[in-house]
Amino acid sequence: MSVAEPDLVLTTRTPRPGVAVVDVRGHLDHHTAPRLRRRGFELIDQGHRHVVLNLAGLGFSDSTGLAVLVALHHRTRAHRGTVAVAAPPERLRRMLRVTGLSLVVAEHHDVDHALAAIEPDDTLSPGARHDA
């Protein structure tokens, strides 16, 4: 599924239950950030406790992009999940470190590494039963 707004394209895929990957392409600013926030919240509310934002195609992000990461962190945490970024541009990587956001939002080289960091049993919904 792809959703387009001026200068922002979001494509979502679910590689396994409880996990969603959002490919973010274009510009993330005060005009486009609300769309990413809404999409992330929708995915979490649909049961995807872990959200990976693939930022390999991100051309620009300002501080509103960081605000979206904070919001997604709080929402996933409330659902006992995580938010992670894959392939963030260098400028965003620096902003994550300077603000301390890198302490709560995992940063990975690529989507494969981000997915590998999510434990398979950790994708179960809260309260779901796992039989060994």
N, C-alpha and C. Protein backbone atom coordinates (compact mmCIF):
# COMPACT_ATOMS: atom_id res chain seq x y z
N MET A 1 0.84 -1.17 0.00
CA MET A 1 0.00 0.00 0.00
C MET A 1 0.89 1.24 0.00
N SER A 2 0.64 2.17 -0.89
CA SER A 2 1.39 3.41 -0.95
C SER A 2 0.46 4.58 -0.74
N VAL A 3 0.96 5.56 0.01
CA VAL A 3 0.22 6.78 0.25
C VAL A 3 1.13 7.92 -0.13
N ALA A 4 0.67 8.84 -0.99
CA ALA A 4 1.53 9.93 -1.45
C ALA A 4 0.95 11.27 -1.02
N GLU A 5 1.80 12.15 -0.62
CA GLU A 5 1.51 13.55 -0.37
C GLU A 5 2.64 14.30 -1.04
N PRO A 6 2.49 15.61 -1.21
CA PRO A 6 3.59 16.35 -1.82
C PRO A 6 4.92 16.05 -1.12
N ASP A 7 5.87 15.60 -1.88
CA ASP A 7 7.22 15.36 -1.39
C ASP A 7 7.34 14.21 -0.40
N LEU A 8 6.32 13.36 -0.23
CA LEU A 8 6.43 12.23 0.69
C LEU A 8 5.67 11.03 0.13
N VAL A 9 6.34 9.88 0.10
CA VAL A 9 5.70 8.63 -0.30
C VAL A 9 5.96 7.61 0.80
N LEU A 10 4.89 6.99 1.27
CA LEU A 10 4.97 5.96 2.30
C LEU A 10 4.48 4.64 1.71
N THR A 11 5.31 3.61 1.82
CA THR A 11 4.93 2.28 1.36
C THR A 11 5.09 1.33 2.55
N THR A 12 4.04 0.58 2.83
CA THR A 12 4.03 -0.29 4.01
C THR A 12 4.04 -1.75 3.60
N ARG A 13 4.80 -2.54 4.35
CA ARG A 13 4.79 -3.99 4.17
C ARG A 13 4.88 -4.65 5.54
N THR A 14 4.39 -5.86 5.63
CA THR A 14 4.41 -6.59 6.90
C THR A 14 5.17 -7.90 6.69
N PRO A 15 6.46 -7.91 6.98
CA PRO A 15 7.28 -9.09 6.73
C PRO A 15 6.94 -10.29 7.60
N ARG A 16 6.34 -10.04 8.76
CA ARG A 16 5.88 -11.13 9.63
C ARG A 16 4.86 -10.56 10.62
N PRO A 17 4.10 -11.42 11.26
CA PRO A 17 3.07 -10.93 12.17
C PRO A 17 3.65 -10.02 13.26
N GLY A 18 2.96 -8.94 13.51
CA GLY A 18 3.37 -8.02 14.57
C GLY A 18 4.44 -7.02 14.17
N VAL A 19 4.92 -7.10 12.93
CA VAL A 19 6.00 -6.22 12.48
C VAL A 19 5.59 -5.53 11.18
N ALA A 20 5.78 -4.22 11.14
CA ALA A 20 5.51 -3.45 9.92
C ALA A 20 6.76 -2.67 9.54
N VAL A 21 7.00 -2.59 8.25
CA VAL A 21 8.09 -1.77 7.71
C VAL A 21 7.44 -0.68 6.86
N VAL A 22 7.82 0.55 7.13
CA VAL A 22 7.33 1.68 6.35
C VAL A 22 8.51 2.27 5.60
N ASP A 23 8.47 2.17 4.27
CA ASP A 23 9.49 2.81 3.44
C ASP A 23 9.09 4.27 3.29
N VAL A 24 9.99 5.16 3.71
CA VAL A 24 9.73 6.60 3.69
C VAL A 24 10.61 7.23 2.63
N ARG A 25 9.98 7.86 1.62
CA ARG A 25 10.75 8.50 0.55
C ARG A 25 10.30 9.94 0.41
N GLY A 26 11.27 10.82 0.27
CA GLY A 26 10.95 12.23 0.05
C GLY A 26 11.35 13.10 1.22
N HIS A 27 10.49 14.08 1.50
CA HIS A 27 10.78 15.09 2.52
C HIS A 27 9.84 14.92 3.70
N LEU A 28 10.43 14.93 4.90
CA LEU A 28 9.66 14.82 6.13
C LEU A 28 9.78 16.16 6.85
N ASP A 29 8.70 16.93 6.79
CA ASP A 29 8.71 18.26 7.41
C ASP A 29 7.35 18.53 8.04
N HIS A 30 7.11 19.76 8.44
CA HIS A 30 5.86 20.07 9.16
C HIS A 30 4.62 19.85 8.29
N HIS A 31 4.77 19.82 6.98
CA HIS A 31 3.63 19.55 6.11
C HIS A 31 3.35 18.05 5.98
N THR A 32 4.40 17.24 5.96
CA THR A 32 4.24 15.82 5.67
C THR A 32 4.33 14.91 6.90
N ALA A 33 4.94 15.38 7.98
CA ALA A 33 5.13 14.55 9.18
C ALA A 33 3.82 14.01 9.76
N PRO A 34 2.73 14.78 9.76
CA PRO A 34 1.49 14.22 10.32
C PRO A 34 1.02 12.95 9.60
N ARG A 35 1.29 12.85 8.31
CA ARG A 35 0.91 11.65 7.56
C ARG A 35 1.67 10.43 8.06
N LEU A 36 2.97 10.57 8.29
CA LEU A 36 3.76 9.45 8.80
C LEU A 36 3.30 9.08 10.21
N ARG A 37 3.03 10.07 11.02
CA ARG A 37 2.55 9.81 12.39
C ARG A 37 1.24 9.02 12.34
N ARG A 38 0.29 9.48 11.53
CA ARG A 38 -0.99 8.78 11.42
C ARG A 38 -0.81 7.34 10.93
N ARG A 39 0.03 7.17 9.91
CA ARG A 39 0.25 5.82 9.37
C ARG A 39 0.87 4.92 10.43
N GLY A 40 1.85 5.42 11.15
CA GLY A 40 2.47 4.64 12.22
C GLY A 40 1.48 4.25 13.29
N PHE A 41 0.64 5.20 13.71
CA PHE A 41 -0.37 4.92 14.74
C PHE A 41 -1.37 3.87 14.23
N GLU A 42 -1.78 3.98 12.98
CA GLU A 42 -2.71 3.00 12.40
C GLU A 42 -2.11 1.60 12.47
N LEU A 43 -0.85 1.48 12.08
CA LEU A 43 -0.19 0.17 12.09
C LEU A 43 -0.12 -0.41 13.49
N ILE A 44 0.26 0.43 14.45
CA ILE A 44 0.36 -0.02 15.84
C ILE A 44 -1.02 -0.45 16.35
N ASP A 45 -2.03 0.36 16.07
CA ASP A 45 -3.39 0.05 16.51
C ASP A 45 -3.95 -1.21 15.84
N GLN A 46 -3.39 -1.57 14.68
CA GLN A 46 -3.80 -2.80 13.98
C GLN A 46 -3.06 -4.03 14.50
N GLY A 47 -2.18 -3.85 15.49
CA GLY A 47 -1.48 -4.97 16.09
C GLY A 47 -0.03 -5.14 15.71
N HIS A 48 0.51 -4.22 14.94
CA HIS A 48 1.93 -4.26 14.60
C HIS A 48 2.69 -3.55 15.71
N ARG A 49 3.16 -4.33 16.68
CA ARG A 49 3.83 -3.76 17.85
C ARG A 49 5.21 -3.20 17.52
N HIS A 50 5.80 -3.69 16.47
CA HIS A 50 7.14 -3.25 16.08
C HIS A 50 7.06 -2.57 14.72
N VAL A 51 7.58 -1.35 14.67
CA VAL A 51 7.55 -0.57 13.43
C VAL A 51 8.97 -0.19 13.06
N VAL A 52 9.35 -0.54 11.84
CA VAL A 52 10.66 -0.17 11.30
C VAL A 52 10.43 0.87 10.22
N LEU A 53 11.07 2.01 10.36
CA LEU A 53 11.01 3.05 9.34
C LEU A 53 12.25 2.95 8.48
N ASN A 54 12.06 2.58 7.22
CA ASN A 54 13.18 2.50 6.28
C ASN A 54 13.39 3.90 5.70
N LEU A 55 14.45 4.55 6.12
CA LEU A 55 14.71 5.93 5.72
C LEU A 55 15.74 6.06 4.61
N ALA A 56 16.02 4.96 3.92
CA ALA A 56 17.01 4.99 2.84
C ALA A 56 16.63 6.00 1.76
N GLY A 57 15.35 6.23 1.55
CA GLY A 57 14.90 7.16 0.52
C GLY A 57 14.53 8.54 1.04
N LEU A 58 14.85 8.81 2.30
CA LEU A 58 14.52 10.11 2.89
C LEU A 58 15.51 11.16 2.40
N GLY A 59 15.00 12.20 1.78
CA GLY A 59 15.85 13.25 1.28
C GLY A 59 16.07 14.37 2.28
N PHE A 60 15.08 14.59 3.15
CA PHE A 60 15.16 15.69 4.11
C PHE A 60 14.27 15.40 5.30
N SER A 61 14.73 15.79 6.48
CA SER A 61 13.90 15.74 7.68
C SER A 61 14.29 16.90 8.57
N ASP A 62 13.26 17.57 9.12
CA ASP A 62 13.53 18.61 10.10
C ASP A 62 13.11 18.10 11.48
N SER A 63 12.99 18.98 12.44
CA SER A 63 12.69 18.56 13.81
C SER A 63 11.32 17.91 13.94
N THR A 64 10.40 18.18 13.03
CA THR A 64 9.10 17.51 13.11
C THR A 64 9.23 16.01 12.84
N GLY A 65 10.25 15.63 12.09
CA GLY A 65 10.53 14.20 11.89
C GLY A 65 10.92 13.56 13.21
N LEU A 66 11.72 14.26 14.02
CA LEU A 66 12.08 13.76 15.34
C LEU A 66 10.85 13.64 16.23
N ALA A 67 9.95 14.61 16.13
CA ALA A 67 8.72 14.57 16.93
C ALA A 67 7.89 13.34 16.58
N VAL A 68 7.86 12.97 15.30
CA VAL A 68 7.14 11.76 14.89
C VAL A 68 7.79 10.54 15.53
N LEU A 69 9.10 10.48 15.54
CA LEU A 69 9.79 9.34 16.16
C LEU A 69 9.47 9.24 17.64
N VAL A 70 9.42 10.38 18.33
CA VAL A 70 9.07 10.38 19.76
C VAL A 70 7.65 9.85 19.94
N ALA A 71 6.72 10.33 19.13
CA ALA A 71 5.32 9.89 19.23
C ALA A 71 5.20 8.39 18.96
N LEU A 72 5.89 7.90 17.94
CA LEU A 72 5.84 6.48 17.62
C LEU A 72 6.51 5.65 18.72
N HIS A 73 7.57 6.17 19.30
CA HIS A 73 8.22 5.47 20.42
C HIS A 73 7.24 5.30 21.57
N HIS A 74 6.55 6.37 21.94
CA HIS A 74 5.60 6.29 23.05
C HIS A 74 4.45 5.33 22.73
N ARG A 75 3.95 5.37 21.51
CA ARG A 75 2.82 4.52 21.12
C ARG A 75 3.24 3.05 21.10
N THR A 76 4.41 2.74 20.51
CA THR A 76 4.85 1.34 20.47
C THR A 76 5.17 0.85 21.88
N ARG A 77 5.76 1.70 22.68
CA ARG A 77 6.09 1.31 24.06
C ARG A 77 4.83 0.97 24.85
N ALA A 78 3.76 1.75 24.65
CA ALA A 78 2.49 1.48 25.32
C ALA A 78 1.92 0.12 24.91
N HIS A 79 2.32 -0.37 23.74
CA HIS A 79 1.88 -1.68 23.25
C HIS A 79 2.97 -2.73 23.42
N ARG A 80 3.94 -2.44 24.26
CA ARG A 80 5.09 -3.31 24.53
C ARG A 80 5.84 -3.68 23.26
N GLY A 81 6.05 -2.67 22.42
CA GLY A 81 6.77 -2.86 21.17
C GLY A 81 7.90 -1.87 21.03
N THR A 82 8.38 -1.72 19.80
CA THR A 82 9.51 -0.84 19.53
C THR A 82 9.33 -0.13 18.20
N VAL A 83 10.04 0.98 18.07
CA VAL A 83 10.18 1.64 16.78
C VAL A 83 11.67 1.70 16.50
N ALA A 84 12.04 1.46 15.26
CA ALA A 84 13.44 1.50 14.86
C ALA A 84 13.55 2.21 13.52
N VAL A 85 14.73 2.76 13.26
CA VAL A 85 14.99 3.38 11.96
C VAL A 85 16.08 2.58 11.26
N ALA A 86 15.91 2.44 9.96
CA ALA A 86 16.90 1.75 9.14
C ALA A 86 17.43 2.72 8.10
N ALA A 87 18.73 2.72 7.93
CA ALA A 87 19.41 3.54 6.92
C ALA A 87 19.07 5.03 7.01
N PRO A 88 19.15 5.61 8.21
CA PRO A 88 18.86 7.04 8.29
C PRO A 88 19.97 7.86 7.62
N PRO A 89 19.61 8.96 6.97
CA PRO A 89 20.63 9.84 6.40
C PRO A 89 21.54 10.38 7.52
N GLU A 90 22.74 10.73 7.16
CA GLU A 90 23.72 11.19 8.16
C GLU A 90 23.21 12.35 9.00
N ARG A 91 22.54 13.31 8.37
CA ARG A 91 22.04 14.46 9.13
C ARG A 91 21.05 14.03 10.20
N LEU A 92 20.15 13.12 9.87
CA LEU A 92 19.18 12.63 10.84
C LEU A 92 19.88 11.80 11.91
N ARG A 93 20.85 11.02 11.52
CA ARG A 93 21.62 10.22 12.48
C ARG A 93 22.26 11.13 13.53
N ARG A 94 22.82 12.24 13.08
CA ARG A 94 23.42 13.20 14.02
C ARG A 94 22.35 13.80 14.94
N MET A 95 21.18 14.14 14.37
CA MET A 95 20.11 14.72 15.19
C MET A 95 19.64 13.71 16.24
N LEU A 96 19.57 12.44 15.89
CA LEU A 96 19.17 11.41 16.85
C LEU A 96 20.15 11.35 18.02
N ARG A 97 21.41 11.44 17.71
CA ARG A 97 22.44 11.36 18.76
C ARG A 97 22.48 12.62 19.62
N VAL A 98 22.42 13.79 18.99
CA VAL A 98 22.49 15.05 19.73
C VAL A 98 21.32 15.20 20.68
N THR A 99 20.14 14.78 20.25
CA THR A 99 18.94 14.91 21.08
C THR A 99 18.79 13.79 22.10
N GLY A 100 19.58 12.75 21.98
CA GLY A 100 19.47 11.60 22.88
C GLY A 100 18.39 10.62 22.46
N LEU A 101 17.73 10.90 21.35
CA LEU A 101 16.69 10.00 20.86
C LEU A 101 17.25 8.65 20.45
N SER A 102 18.52 8.61 20.12
CA SER A 102 19.15 7.34 19.74
C SER A 102 19.19 6.35 20.91
N LEU A 103 18.94 6.84 22.13
CA LEU A 103 18.90 5.95 23.29
C LEU A 103 17.60 5.15 23.36
N VAL A 104 16.54 5.62 22.70
CA VAL A 104 15.25 4.92 22.76
C VAL A 104 14.75 4.45 21.40
N VAL A 105 15.33 4.96 20.33
CA VAL A 105 14.96 4.53 18.99
C VAL A 105 16.18 3.86 18.37
N ALA A 106 16.07 2.56 18.16
CA ALA A 106 17.21 1.81 17.62
C ALA A 106 17.49 2.24 16.18
N GLU A 107 18.76 2.33 15.88
CA GLU A 107 19.22 2.71 14.54
C GLU A 107 19.95 1.51 13.92
N HIS A 108 19.59 1.18 12.69
CA HIS A 108 20.19 0.03 12.03
C HIS A 108 20.68 0.42 10.64
N HIS A 109 21.67 -0.33 10.17
CA HIS A 109 22.28 -0.08 8.86
C HIS A 109 21.26 -0.24 7.74
N ASP A 110 20.39 -1.25 7.86
CA ASP A 110 19.38 -1.49 6.83
C ASP A 110 18.19 -2.22 7.45
N VAL A 111 17.18 -2.45 6.65
CA VAL A 111 15.96 -3.10 7.14
C VAL A 111 16.23 -4.52 7.62
N ASP A 112 17.06 -5.26 6.90
CA ASP A 112 17.36 -6.63 7.31
C ASP A 112 17.93 -6.68 8.72
N HIS A 113 18.85 -5.77 9.04
CA HIS A 113 19.43 -5.72 10.39
C HIS A 113 18.37 -5.32 11.42
N ALA A 114 17.50 -4.40 11.06
CA ALA A 114 16.44 -3.99 11.98
C ALA A 114 15.50 -5.15 12.28
N LEU A 115 15.13 -5.90 11.24
CA LEU A 115 14.24 -7.04 11.44
C LEU A 115 14.92 -8.14 12.25
N ALA A 116 16.20 -8.34 12.02
CA ALA A 116 16.94 -9.37 12.76
C ALA A 116 17.02 -9.05 14.25
N ALA A 117 16.96 -7.77 14.59
CA ALA A 117 17.05 -7.35 15.99
C ALA A 117 15.76 -7.59 16.76
N ILE A 118 14.67 -7.88 16.06
CA ILE A 118 13.39 -8.13 16.72
C ILE A 118 13.27 -9.62 16.97
N GLU A 119 13.19 -9.99 18.23
CA GLU A 119 13.09 -11.41 18.59
C GLU A 119 11.77 -11.98 18.06
N PRO A 120 11.78 -13.17 17.47
CA PRO A 120 10.55 -13.76 16.94
C PRO A 120 9.42 -13.84 17.96
N ASP A 121 9.70 -14.25 19.19
CA ASP A 121 8.66 -14.34 20.22
C ASP A 121 8.16 -12.97 20.63
N ASP A 122 8.93 -11.94 20.34
CA ASP A 122 8.57 -10.58 20.73
C ASP A 122 7.52 -9.98 19.79
N THR A 123 7.15 -10.70 18.75
CA THR A 123 6.14 -10.18 17.83
C THR A 123 4.74 -10.62 18.21
N LEU A 124 4.63 -11.47 19.23
CA LEU A 124 3.32 -11.90 19.68
C LEU A 124 2.57 -10.74 20.31
N SER A 125 1.29 -10.70 20.12
CA SER A 125 0.48 -9.66 20.73
C SER A 125 0.52 -9.81 22.24
N PRO A 126 0.39 -8.69 22.98
CA PRO A 126 0.35 -8.78 24.44
C PRO A 126 -0.79 -9.71 24.84
N GLY A 127 -0.50 -10.61 25.74
CA GLY A 127 -1.52 -11.54 26.21
C GLY A 127 -1.66 -12.77 25.33
N ALA A 128 -1.01 -12.78 24.17
CA ALA A 128 -1.10 -13.96 23.30
C ALA A 128 -0.33 -15.11 23.93
N ARG A 129 -0.81 -16.31 23.69
CA ARG A 129 -0.17 -17.47 24.27
C ARG A 129 0.80 -18.07 23.27
N HIS A 130 1.96 -18.42 23.75
CA HIS A 130 2.97 -19.06 22.90
C HIS A 130 3.25 -20.44 23.46
N ASP A 131 2.94 -21.47 22.72
CA ASP A 131 3.20 -22.83 23.17
C ASP A 131 4.55 -23.27 22.67
N ALA A 132 5.36 -23.77 23.58
CA ALA A 132 6.71 -24.21 23.23
C ALA A 132 6.71 -25.55 22.60
